[in-house]
N, C-alpha and C. Protein backbone atom coordinates (compact mmCIF):
# COMPACT_ATOMS: atom_id res chain seq x y z
N MET A 1 -27.52 168.19 158.11
CA MET A 1 -28.00 168.70 159.36
C MET A 1 -29.26 169.51 159.14
N GLN A 2 -29.29 170.27 158.13
CA GLN A 2 -30.47 171.21 157.94
C GLN A 2 -31.76 170.32 157.63
N SER A 3 -31.71 169.24 156.99
CA SER A 3 -32.91 168.41 156.72
C SER A 3 -33.35 167.70 158.08
N ILE A 4 -32.38 167.36 158.82
CA ILE A 4 -32.68 166.66 160.12
C ILE A 4 -33.35 167.62 161.13
N LYS A 5 -32.78 168.91 161.11
CA LYS A 5 -33.39 169.82 162.04
C LYS A 5 -34.79 170.32 161.48
N THR A 6 -34.95 170.38 160.18
CA THR A 6 -36.34 170.82 159.71
C THR A 6 -37.39 169.81 160.07
N PHE A 7 -37.03 168.54 159.70
CA PHE A 7 -37.99 167.47 160.01
C PHE A 7 -38.32 167.43 161.46
N THR A 8 -37.31 167.32 162.29
CA THR A 8 -37.54 167.22 163.77
C THR A 8 -38.25 168.34 164.36
N ALA A 9 -38.01 169.62 163.86
CA ALA A 9 -38.61 170.83 164.34
C ALA A 9 -40.09 170.76 164.05
N ARG A 10 -40.43 170.31 162.75
CA ARG A 10 -41.85 170.21 162.45
C ARG A 10 -42.53 169.23 163.29
N LYS A 11 -41.99 168.09 163.48
CA LYS A 11 -42.66 166.96 164.25
C LYS A 11 -42.76 167.34 165.72
N SER A 12 -41.65 167.97 166.25
CA SER A 12 -41.64 168.38 167.59
C SER A 12 -42.67 169.50 167.99
N ASN A 13 -42.78 170.39 167.08
CA ASN A 13 -43.75 171.46 167.20
C ASN A 13 -45.19 170.85 167.13
N GLU A 14 -45.41 169.98 166.31
CA GLU A 14 -46.66 169.28 166.14
C GLU A 14 -47.09 168.55 167.49
N LEU A 15 -46.08 167.75 167.99
CA LEU A 15 -46.36 167.09 169.18
C LEU A 15 -46.51 168.01 170.44
N LEU A 16 -45.92 169.11 170.44
CA LEU A 16 -46.01 170.01 171.54
C LEU A 16 -47.14 171.18 171.27
N ASP A 17 -47.80 170.99 170.22
CA ASP A 17 -48.91 171.96 169.78
C ASP A 17 -48.21 173.39 169.79
N ARG A 18 -47.17 173.54 169.14
CA ARG A 18 -46.38 174.84 169.01
C ARG A 18 -46.19 175.13 167.54
N SER A 19 -45.66 176.33 167.34
CA SER A 19 -45.27 176.71 166.03
C SER A 19 -43.99 177.61 166.17
N GLY A 20 -43.36 177.85 165.04
CA GLY A 20 -42.21 178.75 165.02
C GLY A 20 -40.88 178.05 165.26
N GLN A 21 -39.86 178.80 165.51
CA GLN A 21 -38.45 178.37 165.57
C GLN A 21 -38.50 177.29 166.66
N PHE A 22 -37.76 176.20 166.46
CA PHE A 22 -37.63 175.15 167.54
C PHE A 22 -36.11 175.06 167.92
N TRP A 23 -35.25 175.02 166.98
CA TRP A 23 -33.79 174.77 167.24
C TRP A 23 -33.14 176.16 167.27
N GLN A 24 -32.02 176.24 168.02
CA GLN A 24 -31.13 177.32 168.00
C GLN A 24 -30.46 177.42 166.59
N TYR A 25 -30.00 178.56 166.16
CA TYR A 25 -29.42 178.77 164.82
C TYR A 25 -28.30 177.91 164.61
N GLU A 26 -27.32 177.78 165.46
CA GLU A 26 -26.03 177.05 165.18
C GLU A 26 -26.14 175.58 165.54
N SER A 27 -25.29 174.83 164.91
CA SER A 27 -25.15 173.39 165.29
C SER A 27 -23.92 173.36 166.16
N TYR A 28 -23.72 172.33 166.92
CA TYR A 28 -22.54 172.11 167.86
C TYR A 28 -21.97 170.68 167.71
N ASP A 29 -20.86 170.58 167.08
CA ASP A 29 -20.29 169.23 166.89
C ASP A 29 -19.13 169.22 168.03
N ARG A 30 -19.02 167.98 168.51
CA ARG A 30 -18.02 167.85 169.68
C ARG A 30 -17.44 166.43 169.63
N VAL A 31 -16.17 166.29 169.86
CA VAL A 31 -15.55 165.01 170.03
C VAL A 31 -15.67 164.71 171.52
N VAL A 32 -16.18 163.59 171.86
CA VAL A 32 -16.33 163.11 173.27
C VAL A 32 -15.05 162.38 173.51
N ARG A 33 -14.32 162.89 174.50
CA ARG A 33 -12.90 162.36 174.74
C ARG A 33 -12.82 161.27 175.87
N ASP A 34 -13.88 161.24 176.77
CA ASP A 34 -13.70 160.14 177.75
C ASP A 34 -15.13 159.94 178.40
N ALA A 35 -15.16 158.93 179.22
CA ALA A 35 -16.44 158.47 179.86
C ALA A 35 -17.03 159.64 180.77
N GLU A 36 -16.23 160.33 181.38
CA GLU A 36 -16.72 161.44 182.28
C GLU A 36 -17.33 162.61 181.44
N GLU A 37 -16.70 162.86 180.35
CA GLU A 37 -17.36 163.94 179.45
C GLU A 37 -18.66 163.39 178.90
N LEU A 38 -18.69 162.12 178.39
CA LEU A 38 -19.94 161.48 177.93
C LEU A 38 -21.04 161.63 179.04
N SER A 39 -20.72 161.33 180.19
CA SER A 39 -21.70 161.40 181.32
C SER A 39 -22.19 162.81 181.48
N ARG A 40 -21.38 163.73 181.36
CA ARG A 40 -21.92 165.17 181.46
C ARG A 40 -22.81 165.50 180.43
N ILE A 41 -22.44 165.12 179.18
CA ILE A 41 -23.28 165.43 178.00
C ILE A 41 -24.63 164.68 178.10
N ILE A 42 -24.71 163.44 178.51
CA ILE A 42 -25.92 162.75 178.73
C ILE A 42 -26.80 163.40 179.69
N THR A 43 -26.22 163.78 180.79
CA THR A 43 -26.92 164.51 181.87
C THR A 43 -27.58 165.80 181.35
N TYR A 44 -26.76 166.55 180.70
CA TYR A 44 -27.26 167.72 180.18
C TYR A 44 -28.40 167.56 179.17
N VAL A 45 -28.26 166.60 178.26
CA VAL A 45 -29.45 166.29 177.30
C VAL A 45 -30.63 165.90 177.96
N LEU A 46 -30.47 164.88 178.93
CA LEU A 46 -31.63 164.36 179.61
C LEU A 46 -32.43 165.52 180.39
N ASN A 47 -31.63 166.50 180.91
CA ASN A 47 -32.19 167.52 181.73
C ASN A 47 -32.82 168.70 180.92
N ASN A 48 -32.68 168.74 179.60
CA ASN A 48 -33.15 169.81 178.81
C ASN A 48 -34.73 170.01 179.03
N PRO A 49 -35.55 168.97 178.92
CA PRO A 49 -36.97 169.17 179.20
C PRO A 49 -37.23 169.69 180.47
N VAL A 50 -36.51 169.28 181.54
CA VAL A 50 -36.75 169.81 183.01
C VAL A 50 -36.33 171.38 183.03
N LYS A 51 -35.23 171.72 182.34
CA LYS A 51 -34.90 173.13 182.31
C LYS A 51 -35.89 174.01 181.54
N ALA A 52 -36.58 173.35 180.53
CA ALA A 52 -37.62 174.08 179.84
C ALA A 52 -38.97 174.14 180.55
N GLY A 53 -39.07 173.48 181.60
CA GLY A 53 -40.24 173.41 182.44
C GLY A 53 -41.37 172.47 181.83
N LEU A 54 -40.88 171.56 181.06
CA LEU A 54 -41.87 170.57 180.50
C LEU A 54 -42.19 169.37 181.34
N CYS A 55 -41.31 169.21 182.36
CA CYS A 55 -41.46 168.15 183.35
C CYS A 55 -40.60 168.36 184.56
N ASP A 56 -40.95 167.72 185.64
CA ASP A 56 -40.16 167.84 186.86
C ASP A 56 -38.86 167.07 187.04
N SER A 57 -38.80 165.98 186.36
CA SER A 57 -37.64 165.13 186.33
C SER A 57 -37.41 164.48 184.91
N TRP A 58 -36.20 164.24 184.56
CA TRP A 58 -36.00 163.69 183.19
C TRP A 58 -36.72 162.35 183.03
N GLU A 59 -36.85 161.61 184.10
CA GLU A 59 -37.54 160.35 184.01
C GLU A 59 -39.02 160.49 183.63
N ASP A 60 -39.65 161.68 183.83
CA ASP A 60 -41.04 161.91 183.60
C ASP A 60 -41.24 162.28 182.10
N TRP A 61 -40.20 162.63 181.33
CA TRP A 61 -40.38 162.98 179.97
C TRP A 61 -40.50 161.85 179.12
N LYS A 62 -41.68 161.61 178.52
CA LYS A 62 -41.95 160.34 177.78
C LYS A 62 -41.15 160.15 176.57
N TYR A 63 -40.62 161.26 176.05
CA TYR A 63 -39.82 161.15 174.81
C TYR A 63 -38.38 160.82 175.05
N SER A 64 -37.96 160.76 176.28
CA SER A 64 -36.57 160.34 176.60
C SER A 64 -36.41 158.87 176.76
N TYR A 65 -35.29 158.46 176.19
CA TYR A 65 -34.98 156.99 176.45
C TYR A 65 -33.37 156.96 176.58
N ILE A 66 -32.99 156.22 177.60
CA ILE A 66 -31.57 155.93 177.75
C ILE A 66 -31.46 154.44 178.18
N ASN A 67 -30.45 153.80 177.60
CA ASN A 67 -30.16 152.48 177.90
C ASN A 67 -29.69 152.57 179.39
N PRO A 68 -30.24 151.75 180.27
CA PRO A 68 -29.86 151.83 181.69
C PRO A 68 -28.39 151.80 182.02
N LYS A 69 -27.62 151.11 181.18
CA LYS A 69 -26.25 151.02 181.45
C LYS A 69 -25.51 152.35 181.26
N TYR A 70 -26.16 153.37 180.60
CA TYR A 70 -25.54 154.68 180.44
C TYR A 70 -26.14 155.71 181.37
N ILE A 71 -27.04 155.38 182.23
CA ILE A 71 -27.47 156.43 183.19
C ILE A 71 -26.36 156.87 184.09
N PRO A 72 -26.18 158.15 184.08
CA PRO A 72 -25.05 158.75 184.97
C PRO A 72 -25.31 158.60 186.38
């Protein structure tokens, strides 16, 4: 997990022209138990750039991709 977070933090900061800490300290593992929970998680992840003020809608964030069959 550490190597993934280090690599993606560097690349993300580079793309966003930022520096410093990118990820929160802790990791969060979770077992997805059903389709409803998966839908909530997908919605949460897609809306992260919106919440951060990087775009107005998740569809506007060019780094997001979701297979249309999984759109909540």
